[in-house]
Amino acid sequence: MIKKALFPAAGYGTRFLPATKSVPKEMLPVVNKPLIHYGIMECMNAGINEIGFVTGRNKRAIEDYLDFSPELEEKIKDSSKAKLLHETNEMINKCTFTYVRQKEMLGLGHAVLTGEPLIGDNPFAVVLADDLCEGDVLTQMVKLYNKFKCTIVAIEEVPKEEVNKYGVIAGREIEEGVYMVDDMVEKPDVDKAPSNLAIIGRYILTPDIFDLLKITKPGRGGEIQLTDALLKQAKEGMVIAYKFKGKRFDCGSVKGFIEATNYFYEKEFK
């Protein structure tokens, strides 16, 4: 059973400067909920209640959000606004939250490796909060993990000219929307990409990924790429890529963030 999730949340969020000079990117609100809120609810819907965060400097707002606020709750307890904290308090009551700091920004692979003490020898989900997903993607992936018992990456088709922004897989389709991964390349040149099937910010990883990350040398950009370790896993064992059902917003970009805000406003407030 997948009971643990890891949220890499140590990055600087430079595409959202100057706001992210003091506000963590993961705490930017889509309408009235920060990005981290949506990711945690997705975990809870998948039965995952042990949440670990890999953080960095200036990320204390995440810890404060995932804690009770007695003064605030006392202030609004008899007003209509009290219900606005119901979902957040449900998270606090039902989940455990642990934190470790990534001392250097050396890539997603390094961030995941930094989270090893929070995960131990357990399969676990990885959630990149700036990929905001609708459709309980993790729930779908957990069901797939229960069938195949291997690492699973979520994928979607992207325009060919955008493959250089993603890790891209190649593989054979073994059932509808499910691919056995043969190759995986991090941010390939457009003319060298093995496909247009891009990995998005949802993973289920088996714990042997930590040993592979420890021997993975820095790759593109001088960073330890999770993609490189996943490729080793695919070559030595099995990695599944899953074309998830649902909608995903790239809230790591200003354009995607605005699209998500408009979408959830229309859905929840109109």
Protein backbone atom coordinates (compact mmCIF):
# COMPACT_ATOMS: atom_id res chain seq x y z
CA MET A 1 0.00 0.00 0.00
CA ILE A 2 1.19 3.53 -0.75
CA LYS A 3 0.96 5.47 2.50
CA LYS A 4 3.73 8.05 2.09
CA ALA A 5 4.21 11.01 -0.23
CA LEU A 6 7.10 13.38 -0.75
CA PHE A 7 6.72 17.00 -1.83
CA PRO A 8 9.95 18.55 -3.17
CA ALA A 9 9.46 22.19 -2.22
CA ALA A 10 12.90 23.76 -1.89
CA GLY A 11 13.08 25.66 -5.20
CA TYR A 12 13.27 29.42 -5.50
CA GLY A 13 10.26 29.87 -7.81
CA THR A 14 12.11 32.50 -9.82
CA ARG A 15 9.45 32.68 -12.53
CA PHE A 16 7.16 34.30 -9.97
CA LEU A 17 9.53 36.95 -8.66
CA PRO A 18 9.14 39.31 -6.93
CA ALA A 19 6.28 37.52 -5.09
CA THR A 20 8.40 34.44 -4.37
CA LYS A 21 11.12 36.52 -2.74
CA SER A 22 9.18 35.98 0.50
CA VAL A 23 6.26 33.70 -0.42
CA PRO A 24 7.02 30.06 -1.30
CA LYS A 25 5.84 29.17 -4.79
CA GLU A 26 3.92 26.26 -3.29
CA MET A 27 1.90 28.76 -1.23
CA LEU A 28 0.72 30.87 -4.15
CA PRO A 29 -3.10 30.77 -4.08
CA VAL A 30 -5.22 29.41 -6.90
CA VAL A 31 -8.36 31.38 -6.00
CA ASN A 32 -8.39 30.86 -2.20
CA LYS A 33 -6.26 27.73 -1.71
CA PRO A 34 -2.48 27.48 -2.08
CA LEU A 35 -1.01 25.02 -4.53
CA ILE A 36 0.17 22.76 -1.71
CA HIS A 37 -3.44 22.39 -0.53
CA TYR A 38 -4.57 20.85 -3.81
CA GLY A 39 -1.68 18.39 -3.79
CA ILE A 40 -2.34 17.23 -0.23
CA MET A 41 -6.04 16.73 -0.93
CA GLU A 42 -5.09 14.59 -3.93
CA CYS A 43 -2.89 12.49 -1.63
CA MET A 44 -5.66 12.08 0.93
CA ASN A 45 -8.14 11.01 -1.73
CA ALA A 46 -5.64 8.29 -2.69
CA GLY A 47 -5.34 7.06 0.90
CA ILE A 48 -1.96 8.70 1.47
CA ASN A 49 -1.73 10.45 4.84
CA GLU A 50 2.00 10.52 5.68
CA ILE A 51 3.33 13.60 3.94
CA GLY A 52 6.99 14.62 3.81
CA PHE A 53 8.36 17.92 2.55
CA VAL A 54 11.82 18.68 1.23
CA THR A 55 12.09 22.39 1.92
CA GLY A 56 14.66 25.16 1.94
CA ARG A 57 15.12 28.62 3.35
CA ASN A 58 12.07 30.92 3.44
CA LYS A 59 9.62 28.00 3.37
CA ARG A 60 8.24 28.31 6.90
CA ALA A 61 4.86 29.41 5.50
CA ILE A 62 4.23 25.78 4.47
CA GLU A 63 4.65 24.57 8.06
CA ASP A 64 2.49 27.41 9.38
CA TYR A 65 -0.28 26.61 6.91
CA LEU A 66 -0.31 22.97 8.02
CA ASP A 67 -0.76 23.87 11.67
CA PHE A 68 -3.70 25.08 13.72
CA SER A 69 -4.18 28.81 14.25
CA PRO A 70 -6.04 29.15 17.58
CA GLU A 71 -6.16 32.95 17.52
CA LEU A 72 -7.62 33.05 14.01
CA GLU A 73 -10.10 30.28 14.72
CA GLU A 74 -11.27 31.99 17.88
CA LYS A 75 -11.74 35.22 15.93
CA ILE A 76 -13.98 33.67 13.26
CA LYS A 77 -15.61 30.78 15.17
CA ASP A 78 -19.10 32.32 15.22
CA SER A 79 -18.99 33.71 11.70
CA SER A 80 -19.73 32.26 8.29
CA LYS A 81 -15.99 32.27 7.59
CA ALA A 82 -15.32 29.43 10.05
CA LYS A 83 -16.23 26.87 7.39
CA LEU A 84 -13.42 28.13 5.17
CA LEU A 85 -10.88 26.42 7.44
CA HIS A 86 -12.72 23.11 7.57
CA GLU A 87 -10.75 21.42 4.78
CA THR A 88 -7.39 22.65 6.05
CA ASN A 89 -8.15 21.47 9.59
CA GLU A 90 -9.20 18.10 8.17
CA MET A 91 -5.74 17.80 6.59
CA ILE A 92 -4.06 18.64 9.90
CA ASN A 93 -6.15 16.10 11.79
CA LYS A 94 -5.81 13.23 9.32
CA CYS A 95 -2.24 13.63 8.07
CA THR A 96 1.21 13.67 9.59
CA PHE A 97 3.68 16.19 8.20
CA THR A 98 7.45 15.89 8.38
CA TYR A 99 10.15 18.15 6.99
CA VAL A 100 13.77 18.00 5.90
CA ARG A 101 15.86 20.75 4.31
CA GLN A 102 17.66 20.50 1.00
CA LYS A 103 20.84 22.43 1.68
CA GLU A 104 21.76 22.87 -2.00
CA MET A 105 19.52 23.08 -5.07
CA LEU A 106 21.02 20.23 -7.09
CA GLY A 107 18.00 19.01 -9.03
CA LEU A 108 14.86 16.96 -8.53
CA GLY A 109 16.81 13.73 -8.11
CA HIS A 110 18.83 15.28 -5.30
CA ALA A 111 15.65 16.60 -3.68
CA VAL A 112 14.08 13.13 -3.70
CA LEU A 113 17.28 11.63 -2.26
CA THR A 114 17.24 14.27 0.48
CA GLY A 115 13.81 12.98 1.45
CA GLU A 116 15.01 9.42 2.07
CA PRO A 117 14.96 9.76 5.89
CA LEU A 118 11.27 10.66 5.70
CA ILE A 119 10.39 7.68 3.48
CA GLY A 120 12.56 4.80 4.61
CA ASP A 121 12.17 1.47 2.85
CA ASN A 122 8.69 2.14 1.51
CA PRO A 123 7.16 2.77 -1.91
CA PHE A 124 6.02 6.38 -2.07
CA ALA A 125 4.40 9.05 -4.18
CA VAL A 126 6.18 12.20 -5.32
CA VAL A 127 4.04 15.28 -5.90
CA LEU A 128 5.28 18.45 -7.57
CA ALA A 129 2.76 20.96 -6.29
CA ASP A 130 3.15 23.34 -9.21
CA ASP A 131 1.61 20.68 -11.44
CA LEU A 132 -1.98 21.15 -10.31
CA CYS A 133 -4.05 18.14 -11.35
CA GLU A 134 -7.77 17.59 -11.37
CA GLY A 135 -9.11 14.06 -11.57
CA ASP A 136 -7.44 12.32 -8.61
CA VAL A 137 -4.40 11.31 -10.63
CA LEU A 138 -2.70 9.69 -7.64
CA THR A 139 -5.74 7.50 -6.99
CA GLN A 140 -5.45 6.19 -10.54
CA MET A 141 -1.71 5.60 -10.11
CA VAL A 142 -2.10 3.78 -6.80
CA LYS A 143 -4.50 1.33 -8.45
CA LEU A 144 -1.93 0.77 -11.17
CA TYR A 145 0.84 0.28 -8.63
CA ASN A 146 -1.24 -2.36 -6.86
CA LYS A 147 -1.33 -4.23 -10.15
CA PHE A 148 2.28 -3.89 -11.35
CA LYS A 149 4.22 -3.23 -8.09
CA CYS A 150 6.81 -1.05 -9.84
CA THR A 151 7.71 2.59 -10.36
CA ILE A 152 5.06 4.56 -12.24
CA VAL A 153 5.35 7.99 -13.85
CA ALA A 154 2.39 10.06 -15.01
CA ILE A 155 2.58 11.26 -18.61
CA GLU A 156 0.61 13.37 -21.04
CA GLU A 157 0.99 14.26 -24.68
CA VAL A 158 2.47 17.71 -25.23
CA PRO A 159 3.07 19.68 -28.42
CA LYS A 160 6.25 18.49 -30.11
CA GLU A 161 7.81 21.94 -29.86
CA GLU A 162 7.48 21.82 -26.05
CA VAL A 163 9.22 18.50 -25.35
CA ASN A 164 12.41 20.32 -24.39
CA LYS A 165 10.68 21.43 -21.15
CA TYR A 166 10.07 17.91 -19.86
CA GLY A 167 11.40 14.47 -19.25
CA VAL A 168 10.16 12.42 -22.23
CA ILE A 169 9.59 8.67 -22.43
CA ALA A 170 9.54 6.05 -25.17
CA GLY A 171 7.93 2.68 -24.70
CA ARG A 172 5.41 0.15 -25.89
CA GLU A 173 1.77 0.35 -24.95
CA ILE A 174 0.83 -2.78 -22.98
CA GLU A 175 -2.74 -1.72 -22.35
CA GLU A 176 -4.72 1.41 -23.05
CA GLY A 177 -2.80 4.39 -21.72
CA VAL A 178 -0.16 2.19 -20.01
CA TYR A 179 3.38 2.01 -21.42
CA MET A 180 6.37 -0.16 -20.58
CA VAL A 181 9.21 2.37 -20.58
CA ASP A 182 12.19 1.60 -22.83
CA ASP A 183 13.84 5.01 -22.90
CA MET A 184 13.64 8.30 -21.02
CA VAL A 185 15.37 11.60 -21.78
CA GLU A 186 15.45 14.79 -19.72
CA LYS A 187 14.56 17.93 -21.72
CA PRO A 188 15.64 16.61 -25.12
CA ASP A 189 16.14 18.77 -28.17
CA VAL A 190 12.95 18.86 -30.20
CA ASP A 191 14.48 16.92 -33.09
CA LYS A 192 15.91 14.24 -30.77
CA ALA A 193 12.92 13.54 -28.52
CA PRO A 194 11.87 9.87 -28.51
CA SER A 195 8.17 10.86 -28.40
CA ASN A 196 5.88 13.64 -27.23
CA LEU A 197 4.88 11.72 -24.07
CA ALA A 198 6.05 14.03 -21.29
CA ILE A 199 6.43 13.19 -17.61
CA ILE A 200 4.45 15.47 -15.32
CA GLY A 201 4.79 16.00 -11.59
CA ARG A 202 3.25 12.78 -10.29
CA TYR A 203 5.31 9.68 -9.55
CA ILE A 204 5.07 6.49 -7.54
CA LEU A 205 8.58 5.28 -6.76
CA THR A 206 9.89 2.06 -5.29
CA PRO A 207 12.50 2.57 -2.53
CA ASP A 208 15.40 1.19 -4.57
CA ILE A 209 15.34 4.57 -6.35
CA PHE A 210 17.41 5.94 -3.46
CA ASP A 211 20.31 3.58 -4.15
CA LEU A 212 20.19 4.48 -7.83
CA LEU A 213 20.14 8.21 -7.06
CA LYS A 214 23.24 7.82 -4.87
CA ILE A 215 25.25 6.63 -7.87
CA THR A 216 23.66 8.92 -10.45
CA LYS A 217 26.12 11.48 -11.73
CA PRO A 218 25.08 15.08 -12.42
CA GLY A 219 23.44 15.37 -15.83
CA ARG A 220 21.83 18.19 -17.73
CA GLY A 221 22.44 21.53 -16.03
CA GLY A 222 24.89 19.96 -13.58
CA GLU A 223 21.95 18.59 -11.57
CA ILE A 224 21.16 15.08 -10.37
CA GLN A 225 18.24 14.21 -12.61
CA LEU A 226 15.51 11.90 -11.37
CA THR A 227 14.99 10.93 -15.01
CA ASP A 228 18.49 9.41 -15.20
CA ALA A 229 17.84 7.19 -12.17
CA LEU A 230 14.42 6.20 -13.52
CA LEU A 231 16.03 5.13 -16.79
CA LYS A 232 18.39 2.84 -14.86
CA GLN A 233 15.37 1.41 -13.09
CA ALA A 234 13.64 0.82 -16.42
CA LYS A 235 16.71 -0.93 -17.87
CA GLU A 236 17.33 -3.10 -14.82
CA GLY A 237 13.71 -3.82 -13.92
CA MET A 238 10.44 -2.20 -14.92
CA VAL A 239 9.01 1.31 -15.06
CA ILE A 240 5.46 2.04 -16.18
CA ALA A 241 4.30 5.30 -17.74
CA TYR A 242 0.63 6.10 -17.35
CA LYS A 243 -1.38 8.51 -19.49
CA PHE A 244 -3.61 9.76 -16.70
CA LYS A 245 -7.25 10.75 -16.99
CA GLY A 246 -7.87 14.30 -15.89
CA LYS A 247 -6.66 17.84 -16.37
CA ARG A 248 -3.29 19.28 -15.48
CA PHE A 249 -2.21 22.90 -15.14
CA ASP A 250 1.45 23.92 -15.28
CA CYS A 251 1.37 26.36 -12.39
CA GLY A 252 5.13 26.67 -12.54
CA SER A 253 4.48 29.10 -15.40
CA VAL A 254 2.56 32.35 -15.14
CA LYS A 255 0.34 31.37 -18.07
CA GLY A 256 -0.59 28.01 -16.54
CA PHE A 257 -1.15 29.59 -13.15
CA ILE A 258 -3.63 32.08 -14.60
CA GLU A 259 -5.38 29.31 -16.53
CA ALA A 260 -5.76 27.29 -13.33
CA THR A 261 -7.06 30.29 -11.41
CA ASN A 262 -9.68 31.04 -14.05
CA TYR A 263 -10.69 27.37 -14.29
CA PHE A 264 -11.19 26.84 -10.54
CA TYR A 265 -12.93 30.19 -10.14
CA GLU A 266 -15.42 29.25 -12.84
CA LYS A 267 -15.87 25.80 -11.32
CA GLU A 268 -16.23 26.71 -7.65
CA PHE A 269 -17.45 30.28 -7.47
CA LYS A 270 -19.81 30.73 -10.41
